[in-house]
């Protein structure tokens, strides 16, 4: 059974940092590209960052480029998102995701709130 469990969210002041984690199980983690998405209140879910199965290739949304870093630890079956220089507009629920045989799999999400 596929399972994605995000953690690491919380309340942080503008300019602060957080590291999100996504523990994956039930599939061959290294075989699939993984992504982080986010959804702010009243907004559509948007792609934040993606990483290839072997971790060698990454992509980022323009809004977070240079501030966030996506990575994965294949030995731990864990996906990460290091978020630095956080801004109030980064406030959202963050989800990890992968797609297999045309089906999207999502975790339950972790709330990130950037506020003073």
C-alpha atoms as a PDB file:
ATOM      1  CA  UNK A   1       0.000   0.000   0.000  1.00  0.00           C
ATOM      2  CA  UNK A   2       1.400   3.358  -1.060  1.00  0.00           C
ATOM      3  CA  UNK A   3       1.870   5.787   1.795  1.00  0.00           C
ATOM      4  CA  UNK A   4       3.269   9.331   1.834  1.00  0.00           C
ATOM      5  CA  UNK A   5       3.570  11.071   5.198  1.00  0.00           C
ATOM      6  CA  UNK A   6       4.693  14.703   5.364  1.00  0.00           C
ATOM      7  CA  UNK A   7       6.122  16.368   8.453  1.00  0.00           C
ATOM      8  CA  UNK A   8       8.138  19.398   9.462  1.00  0.00           C
ATOM      9  CA  UNK A   9       5.641  22.194   8.945  1.00  0.00           C
ATOM     10  CA  UNK A  10       4.940  24.887  11.487  1.00  0.00           C
ATOM     11  CA  UNK A  11       4.886  28.582  12.244  1.00  0.00           C
ATOM     12  CA  UNK A  12       7.973  30.560  11.294  1.00  0.00           C
ATOM     13  CA  UNK A  13       8.801  34.246  11.047  1.00  0.00           C
ATOM     14  CA  UNK A  14       9.543  35.874   7.693  1.00  0.00           C
ATOM     15  CA  UNK A  15      13.133  35.194   6.728  1.00  0.00           C
ATOM     16  CA  UNK A  16      13.208  31.935   8.672  1.00  0.00           C
ATOM     17  CA  UNK A  17      13.754  28.368   7.547  1.00  0.00           C
ATOM     18  CA  UNK A  18      11.993  25.018   7.712  1.00  0.00           C
ATOM     19  CA  UNK A  19      12.758  21.562   6.386  1.00  0.00           C
ATOM     20  CA  UNK A  20       9.867  19.413   5.282  1.00  0.00           C
ATOM     21  CA  UNK A  21      10.111  15.638   5.082  1.00  0.00           C
ATOM     22  CA  UNK A  22       7.995  13.086   3.261  1.00  0.00           C
ATOM     23  CA  UNK A  23       8.357   9.464   4.332  1.00  0.00           C
ATOM     24  CA  UNK A  24       7.444   7.130   1.491  1.00  0.00           C
ATOM     25  CA  UNK A  25       6.500   3.458   1.590  1.00  0.00           C
ATOM     26  CA  UNK A  26       4.705   0.846  -0.464  1.00  0.00           C
ATOM     27  CA  UNK A  27       6.550   1.424  -3.727  1.00  0.00           C
ATOM     28  CA  UNK A  28      10.080   1.456  -5.126  1.00  0.00           C
ATOM     29  CA  UNK A  29      11.058   4.962  -4.084  1.00  0.00           C
ATOM     30  CA  UNK A  30      14.073   5.317  -6.375  1.00  0.00           C
ATOM     31  CA  UNK A  31      12.049   4.437  -9.470  1.00  0.00           C
ATOM     32  CA  UNK A  32       9.842   7.513  -9.460  1.00  0.00           C
ATOM     33  CA  UNK A  33      10.236  11.231  -9.763  1.00  0.00           C
ATOM     34  CA  UNK A  34       8.798  13.003  -6.747  1.00  0.00           C
ATOM     35  CA  UNK A  35       7.377  16.466  -6.302  1.00  0.00           C
ATOM     36  CA  UNK A  36       6.344  18.986  -3.690  1.00  0.00           C
ATOM     37  CA  UNK A  37       3.142  20.942  -4.226  1.00  0.00           C
ATOM     38  CA  UNK A  38       1.484  23.587  -2.087  1.00  0.00           C
ATOM     39  CA  UNK A  39      -1.975  25.014  -1.731  1.00  0.00           C
ATOM     40  CA  UNK A  40      -2.682  28.329  -0.090  1.00  0.00           C
ATOM     41  CA  UNK A  41      -6.084  29.233   1.346  1.00  0.00           C
ATOM     42  CA  UNK A  42      -8.475  29.883  -1.511  1.00  0.00           C
ATOM     43  CA  UNK A  43      -5.817  29.106  -4.109  1.00  0.00           C
ATOM     44  CA  UNK A  44      -5.204  26.271  -6.513  1.00  0.00           C
ATOM     45  CA  UNK A  45      -2.612  23.640  -5.736  1.00  0.00           C
ATOM     46  CA  UNK A  46       0.677  24.534  -7.427  1.00  0.00           C
ATOM     47  CA  UNK A  47       3.878  22.695  -8.196  1.00  0.00           C
ATOM     48  CA  UNK A  48       6.788  23.900  -6.068  1.00  0.00           C
ATOM     49  CA  UNK A  49       9.656  21.555  -6.961  1.00  0.00           C
ATOM     50  CA  UNK A  50      10.397  18.197  -8.542  1.00  0.00           C
ATOM     51  CA  UNK A  51      13.245  15.704  -8.451  1.00  0.00           C
ATOM     52  CA  UNK A  52      14.133  12.727 -10.616  1.00  0.00           C
ATOM     53  CA  UNK A  53      14.202   9.177  -9.316  1.00  0.00           C
ATOM     54  CA  UNK A  54      17.960   9.157  -8.825  1.00  0.00           C
ATOM     55  CA  UNK A  55      18.023  12.697  -7.475  1.00  0.00           C
ATOM     56  CA  UNK A  56      20.220  13.929 -10.283  1.00  0.00           C
ATOM     57  CA  UNK A  57      17.750  16.377 -11.792  1.00  0.00           C
ATOM     58  CA  UNK A  58      15.610  19.010 -10.103  1.00  0.00           C
ATOM     59  CA  UNK A  59      13.126  21.665 -11.166  1.00  0.00           C
ATOM     60  CA  UNK A  60      11.691  24.631  -9.288  1.00  0.00           C
ATOM     61  CA  UNK A  61       8.870  27.092  -9.591  1.00  0.00           C
ATOM     62  CA  UNK A  62      10.104  30.610 -10.314  1.00  0.00           C
ATOM     63  CA  UNK A  63       8.516  31.895  -7.109  1.00  0.00           C
ATOM     64  CA  UNK A  64      10.806  29.815  -4.887  1.00  0.00           C
ATOM     65  CA  UNK A  65      13.906  29.404  -7.016  1.00  0.00           C
ATOM     66  CA  UNK A  66      17.054  30.155  -5.052  1.00  0.00           C
ATOM     67  CA  UNK A  67      15.274  29.828  -1.696  1.00  0.00           C
ATOM     68  CA  UNK A  68      14.058  26.205  -1.632  1.00  0.00           C
ATOM     69  CA  UNK A  69      15.983  22.996  -2.271  1.00  0.00           C
ATOM     70  CA  UNK A  70      14.426  19.624  -2.995  1.00  0.00           C
ATOM     71  CA  UNK A  71      16.370  16.456  -2.234  1.00  0.00           C
ATOM     72  CA  UNK A  72      15.833  12.785  -1.551  1.00  0.00           C
ATOM     73  CA  UNK A  73      17.508  10.098   0.524  1.00  0.00           C
ATOM     74  CA  UNK A  74      16.956   6.825  -1.297  1.00  0.00           C
ATOM     75  CA  UNK A  75      18.309   4.759   1.595  1.00  0.00           C
ATOM     76  CA  UNK A  76      15.704   6.317   3.912  1.00  0.00           C
ATOM     77  CA  UNK A  77      12.866   6.472   1.355  1.00  0.00           C
ATOM     78  CA  UNK A  78      12.454  10.116   2.274  1.00  0.00           C
ATOM     79  CA  UNK A  79      11.875  13.266   0.250  1.00  0.00           C
ATOM     80  CA  UNK A  80      12.895  16.667   1.625  1.00  0.00           C
ATOM     81  CA  UNK A  81      12.210  20.313   0.970  1.00  0.00           C
ATOM     82  CA  UNK A  82      14.606  22.780   2.570  1.00  0.00           C
ATOM     83  CA  UNK A  83      12.928  26.172   2.672  1.00  0.00           C
ATOM     84  CA  UNK A  84      15.011  29.275   3.415  1.00  0.00           C
ATOM     85  CA  UNK A  85      14.217  32.993   3.448  1.00  0.00           C
ATOM     86  CA  UNK A  86      10.564  32.221   3.878  1.00  0.00           C
ATOM     87  CA  UNK A  87       7.985  34.845   2.969  1.00  0.00           C
ATOM     88  CA  UNK A  88       4.363  35.300   4.083  1.00  0.00           C
ATOM     89  CA  UNK A  89       3.251  34.289   0.585  1.00  0.00           C
ATOM     90  CA  UNK A  90       4.832  30.858   1.162  1.00  0.00           C
ATOM     91  CA  UNK A  91       2.068  30.137   3.677  1.00  0.00           C
ATOM     92  CA  UNK A  92       0.260  27.015   2.471  1.00  0.00           C
ATOM     93  CA  UNK A  93      -0.311  23.337   3.029  1.00  0.00           C
ATOM     94  CA  UNK A  94       2.588  21.472   1.438  1.00  0.00           C
ATOM     95  CA  UNK A  95       2.086  18.052  -0.140  1.00  0.00           C
ATOM     96  CA  UNK A  96       4.462  15.470  -1.547  1.00  0.00           C
ATOM     97  CA  UNK A  97       3.419  13.662  -4.671  1.00  0.00           C
ATOM     98  CA  UNK A  98       4.343  11.070  -7.224  1.00  0.00           C
ATOM     99  CA  UNK A  99       2.577   9.651 -10.230  1.00  0.00           C
ATOM    100  CA  UNK A 100       2.414   6.005 -11.220  1.00  0.00           C
ATOM    101  CA  UNK A 101       0.469   4.472 -14.111  1.00  0.00           C
ATOM    102  CA  UNK A 102      -1.437   7.712 -14.538  1.00  0.00           C
ATOM    103  CA  UNK A 103      -2.484   7.908 -10.900  1.00  0.00           C
ATOM    104  CA  UNK A 104      -1.397  10.727  -8.598  1.00  0.00           C
ATOM    105  CA  UNK A 105      -0.542   9.833  -5.023  1.00  0.00           C
ATOM    106  CA  UNK A 106      -0.628  12.464  -2.273  1.00  0.00           C
ATOM    107  CA  UNK A 107       0.233  12.710   1.365  1.00  0.00           C
ATOM    108  CA  UNK A 108      -2.033  14.358   3.928  1.00  0.00           C
ATOM    109  CA  UNK A 109      -0.065  17.604   3.789  1.00  0.00           C
ATOM    110  CA  UNK A 110       1.773  19.699   6.350  1.00  0.00           C
ATOM    111  CA  UNK A 111       0.871  23.296   7.170  1.00  0.00           C
ATOM    112  CA  UNK A 112       3.504  25.999   6.804  1.00  0.00           C
ATOM    113  CA  UNK A 113       2.634  29.430   8.165  1.00  0.00           C
ATOM    114  CA  UNK A 114       4.991  32.362   7.699  1.00  0.00           C
ATOM    115  CA  UNK A 115       4.008  35.236   9.923  1.00  0.00           C
ATOM    116  CA  UNK A 116       5.442  37.684  12.406  1.00  0.00           C
END
